[in-house]
Amino acid sequence: MPSRVFIDTNIVLEYKPLEEWDWSKLNLTAPEIHVTAPVIRELDKHKYHRVKGKQDRAKKFLALLDDIPKDGTGLPRKGFRLFIYLSEMPQHLAAGYGGLSLETQDEEFIGACLYAVKYSNRPDPDYVLSEDRLVRLRAEHTPGSTLIGLEPPKEYRFNPKAPEASDHKAIALEIWRLIKEAARDDSTTGG
């Protein structure tokens, strides 16, 4: 049975399309890629992101989800099959996982992954693929979890040399650049 991999939103937004990945770099062969409801919600929000590239990637990936057959067989893609997992962990069950709160997007994502694993009888390990170290650690170390965190290969990042900065850091850097530019303009015009 192929390995089941739950992908985080950052894999869709910050990395090359999954069809371009060599899954053997993660020691996986033709995995089942599962997209959870929290990831779909987050991608829906990114359809209107201020960065056009993220908008486009979110829209394109969401459109792909519409093609997934409803019979549970998944959508065959180059090197993997794509599935949607829409069930989410109910709040009353989350407490049994070391106080998982489900109050953040990351915890909703981890909760959905844990809930999927809880009700499947698969002998193979299940993985969480995320650029976010805390998500990977939380997935692995939540009491009762059998999930294994996977870090995506850097060479699949759209800009592999880019610092792993949050949007807030990127905004702050852009503001700083604009302030410096305005100061330079003021000094040359005498204003």
Protein backbone atom coordinates (compact mmCIF):
# COMPACT_ATOMS: atom_id res chain seq x y z
CA MET A 1 0.00 0.00 0.00
CA PRO A 2 1.43 3.45 -0.88
CA SER A 3 2.42 5.83 1.89
CA ARG A 4 -0.11 8.49 2.82
CA VAL A 5 1.28 12.03 2.95
CA PHE A 6 -0.70 14.95 4.35
CA ILE A 7 0.57 18.19 2.84
CA ASP A 8 0.63 21.54 4.58
CA THR A 9 -0.43 24.72 2.78
CA ASN A 10 3.17 25.92 2.44
CA ILE A 11 3.94 22.98 0.14
CA VAL A 12 1.41 24.29 -2.38
CA LEU A 13 2.35 27.97 -2.04
CA GLU A 14 6.13 27.89 -1.65
CA TYR A 15 7.19 24.82 -3.65
CA LYS A 16 7.14 23.63 -7.23
CA PRO A 17 4.13 21.57 -8.34
CA LEU A 18 4.10 18.10 -6.81
CA GLU A 19 4.23 16.56 -10.30
CA GLU A 20 7.82 17.83 -10.56
CA TRP A 21 9.00 16.14 -7.36
CA ASP A 22 11.19 13.05 -7.23
CA TRP A 23 9.48 11.30 -4.32
CA SER A 24 12.42 8.94 -3.85
CA LYS A 25 14.30 11.89 -2.28
CA LEU A 26 11.87 11.47 0.63
CA ASN A 27 12.14 7.66 0.48
CA LEU A 28 8.60 7.44 -0.91
CA THR A 29 7.29 5.69 -3.99
CA ALA A 30 4.09 6.89 -5.66
CA PRO A 31 2.56 8.26 -2.43
CA GLU A 32 -1.04 9.13 -1.79
CA ILE A 33 -1.12 12.90 -1.26
CA HIS A 34 -3.96 13.95 1.03
CA VAL A 35 -5.28 17.49 1.27
CA THR A 36 -7.21 18.25 4.46
CA ALA A 37 -10.09 20.67 5.02
CA PRO A 38 -7.91 23.16 6.98
CA VAL A 39 -5.47 23.32 4.04
CA ILE A 40 -8.32 23.88 1.60
CA ARG A 41 -9.66 26.74 3.78
CA GLU A 42 -6.22 28.31 3.93
CA LEU A 43 -5.75 28.01 0.15
CA ASP A 44 -9.16 29.65 -0.34
CA LYS A 45 -7.89 32.63 1.65
CA HIS A 46 -4.72 32.77 -0.45
CA LYS A 47 -6.74 33.17 -3.68
CA TYR A 48 -6.70 36.86 -2.76
CA HIS A 49 -3.12 37.06 -1.44
CA ARG A 50 -1.18 40.24 -2.16
CA VAL A 51 1.50 38.18 -3.94
CA LYS A 52 0.16 37.20 -7.37
CA GLY A 53 2.27 34.03 -7.56
CA LYS A 54 0.67 32.71 -4.37
CA GLN A 55 -2.78 33.67 -5.67
CA ASP A 56 -2.16 31.78 -8.89
CA ARG A 57 -0.76 28.67 -7.15
CA ALA A 58 -3.68 28.57 -4.70
CA LYS A 59 -6.26 28.94 -7.49
CA LYS A 60 -4.60 26.35 -9.72
CA PHE A 61 -4.31 23.78 -6.92
CA LEU A 62 -7.90 24.34 -5.76
CA ALA A 63 -9.12 23.84 -9.35
CA LEU A 64 -7.21 20.55 -9.43
CA LEU A 65 -9.13 19.39 -6.34
CA ASP A 66 -12.37 19.76 -8.28
CA ASP A 67 -11.18 16.96 -10.59
CA ILE A 68 -10.79 14.37 -7.81
CA PRO A 69 -13.32 11.57 -8.32
CA LYS A 70 -15.87 11.18 -5.57
CA ASP A 71 -15.48 7.39 -5.52
CA GLY A 72 -12.44 7.50 -3.21
CA THR A 73 -9.92 6.34 -5.81
CA GLY A 74 -8.03 9.63 -5.90
CA LEU A 75 -6.82 11.58 -8.88
CA PRO A 76 -3.83 10.03 -10.64
CA ARG A 77 -1.01 12.53 -11.15
CA LYS A 78 2.58 12.13 -12.28
CA GLY A 79 4.28 10.20 -9.47
CA PHE A 80 1.38 10.21 -6.96
CA ARG A 81 -2.39 10.07 -6.42
CA LEU A 82 -4.24 13.08 -5.00
CA PHE A 83 -6.97 12.71 -2.37
CA ILE A 84 -9.14 15.05 -0.30
CA TYR A 85 -9.77 14.34 3.37
CA LEU A 86 -12.61 16.56 4.57
CA SER A 87 -13.32 15.17 8.05
CA GLU A 88 -11.97 17.23 10.92
CA MET A 89 -11.21 16.34 14.49
CA PRO A 90 -14.07 17.28 16.81
CA GLN A 91 -13.06 19.55 19.69
CA HIS A 92 -14.03 16.98 22.33
CA LEU A 93 -11.54 14.45 20.90
CA ALA A 94 -8.69 16.95 20.60
CA ALA A 95 -8.11 17.04 24.37
CA GLY A 96 -7.13 13.37 24.22
CA TYR A 97 -4.12 14.34 22.11
CA GLY A 98 -2.10 16.15 24.75
CA GLY A 99 -4.33 19.18 24.83
CA LEU A 100 -4.45 19.82 21.08
CA SER A 101 -6.49 23.03 21.01
CA LEU A 102 -7.54 23.28 17.34
CA GLU A 103 -7.40 27.07 17.82
CA THR A 104 -4.72 27.74 15.19
CA GLN A 105 -4.54 26.74 11.53
CA ASP A 106 -1.55 24.53 12.31
CA GLU A 107 -3.39 22.69 15.07
CA GLU A 108 -6.49 22.29 12.89
CA PHE A 109 -4.25 20.76 10.22
CA ILE A 110 -2.54 18.40 12.67
CA GLY A 111 -5.93 17.51 14.18
CA ALA A 112 -7.34 16.60 10.76
CA CYS A 113 -4.28 14.41 10.04
CA LEU A 114 -4.54 12.65 13.42
CA TYR A 115 -8.27 12.13 12.93
CA ALA A 116 -7.68 10.56 9.51
CA VAL A 117 -5.07 8.21 10.94
CA LYS A 118 -7.25 7.27 13.92
CA TYR A 119 -9.97 5.81 11.72
CA SER A 120 -7.86 3.99 9.18
CA ASN A 121 -6.39 0.55 9.56
CA ARG A 122 -3.31 1.11 7.49
CA PRO A 123 -0.14 -0.72 8.47
CA ASP A 124 2.14 1.76 6.69
CA PRO A 125 3.32 4.98 8.34
CA ASP A 126 1.56 8.26 7.63
CA TYR A 127 3.50 11.45 6.99
CA VAL A 128 3.05 15.19 7.41
CA LEU A 129 4.94 17.17 4.77
CA SER A 130 5.55 20.73 5.90
CA GLU A 131 8.21 23.39 5.67
CA ASP A 132 7.24 24.46 9.20
CA ARG A 133 9.43 22.69 11.77
CA LEU A 134 6.91 23.25 14.56
CA VAL A 135 4.16 21.55 12.54
CA ARG A 136 6.42 18.54 11.89
CA LEU A 137 7.43 18.33 15.55
CA ARG A 138 3.87 18.78 16.81
CA ALA A 139 2.65 16.07 14.42
CA GLU A 140 5.29 13.63 15.66
CA HIS A 141 5.27 14.46 19.37
CA THR A 142 1.57 14.90 20.07
CA PRO A 143 0.62 12.11 22.51
CA GLY A 144 -1.12 9.31 20.62
CA SER A 145 0.31 10.37 17.24
CA THR A 146 1.90 7.90 14.85
CA LEU A 147 2.59 10.59 12.24
CA ILE A 148 6.09 11.16 10.88
CA GLY A 149 7.14 14.69 9.94
CA LEU A 150 8.86 15.19 6.59
CA GLU A 151 10.83 18.25 5.58
CA PRO A 152 10.46 19.10 1.89
CA PRO A 153 13.64 19.12 -0.20
CA LYS A 154 14.94 22.70 -0.52
CA GLU A 155 15.59 22.30 -4.24
CA TYR A 156 11.82 22.15 -4.84
CA ARG A 157 11.27 25.53 -3.28
CA PHE A 158 10.45 28.22 -5.87
CA ASN A 159 13.39 30.22 -4.59
CA PRO A 160 15.68 27.71 -2.87
CA LYS A 161 18.10 30.41 -1.78
CA ALA A 162 15.39 32.55 -0.20
CA PRO A 163 15.41 32.80 3.56
CA GLU A 164 12.58 30.94 5.21
CA ALA A 165 10.89 34.17 6.22
CA SER A 166 7.32 34.64 7.25
CA ASP A 167 5.12 37.07 5.35
CA HIS A 168 5.56 39.50 8.26
CA LYS A 169 9.32 39.48 7.85
CA ALA A 170 9.00 39.96 4.10
CA ILE A 171 6.66 42.92 4.66
CA ALA A 172 9.03 44.43 7.23
CA LEU A 173 11.97 44.09 4.83
CA GLU A 174 9.99 45.75 2.03
CA ILE A 175 8.95 48.61 4.34
CA TRP A 176 12.58 49.06 5.42
CA ARG A 177 13.69 49.15 1.77
CA LEU A 178 11.06 51.78 0.95
CA ILE A 179 12.06 53.92 3.95
CA LYS A 180 15.72 53.79 2.92
CA GLU A 181 14.77 54.66 -0.66
CA ALA A 182 12.61 57.60 0.51
CA ALA A 183 15.44 58.83 2.75
CA ARG A 184 17.85 58.69 -0.20
CA ASP A 185 15.38 60.63 -2.35
CA ASP A 186 14.96 63.26 0.39
CA SER A 187 18.72 63.72 0.73
CA THR A 188 19.17 64.23 -3.01
CA THR A 189 16.29 66.68 -3.36
CA GLY A 190 17.09 68.60 -0.20
CA GLY A 191 13.69 67.74 1.30
